[in-house]
């Protein structure tokens, strides 16, 4: 296990799927069964630190050479569920998204074109042997995508502000896969009946298709991750975005455009303030 650093790496949120061991073929199933019995396992911060460390060498290593054999593990009703990191696959996918997020000169300075071309060639070759590969983890920086909140309810919210002994704060939701899929279907129905196609609908369709790739007894987790270190306690205490999303969808279902608009306005204002912190320093 990598040595744990006390340095906090900000500021990403995560949507994870934990699948039961039965969903994995051998010999991977046995590997995860042994892994789940470890007394200590790395955290999401350890995973993020490792990926950032690969960008320090010259030339940088945008995608790990070998796939991670680490995972996040939870137990639910006596069933061990595993969320593999799959950092190599996620690295390739993140690299493909960078072109639309950074100006070309900045992108070339961080990851030279020759490095990106080689990574793309490696990914294409890997995909020919792994055409059905998909990540168990999605991430977003400086916000939580609104469509993620459709999957959960306020009753599933867990918030721990941390303790004086240095424990980190936690804000997350967990829900059974069957519930997440049902909420996606109900949310899409209400949205499509009330509006034309748009980013919110497109994002929810995309998440719904992703969820269909997993075992029906999986768990879905929405984790604020490193965002909890960037936001004040009063924000975290008062943040019930899942409740606002549910209220907005219910208002649309009832034909209450005013109520839906008010819920959406609360969400937009709350998360605009979060994203503005990205540029505050």
Foldseek 3Di string as FASTA:
>chain_A
DDDDDPDADDDKWKKFKWAFLVQDDPPLSVLVVVVVPDPDADDVRVVVVVQVVQLPDVNGQQADPDFDSGWDWDADPNTITTFGQRRRVVSLVVLVVVPVVDDPVVCCVSHNPVNNVVSVVVVVVVCVVVVPDDHRMDMDHLFDPLLVLLQFALVQWDWDCADPVSGHIWIKGKDQLVSSLVSLVLLLVLDVVQDPDDDSNVVSVVVNVVSVVGDRRMMIMTISRRNSVVDDPVLVVPDRLSHLSVQLSVCSVVVNPVRNVVSVVVVVVSSVVRNVSVVPD
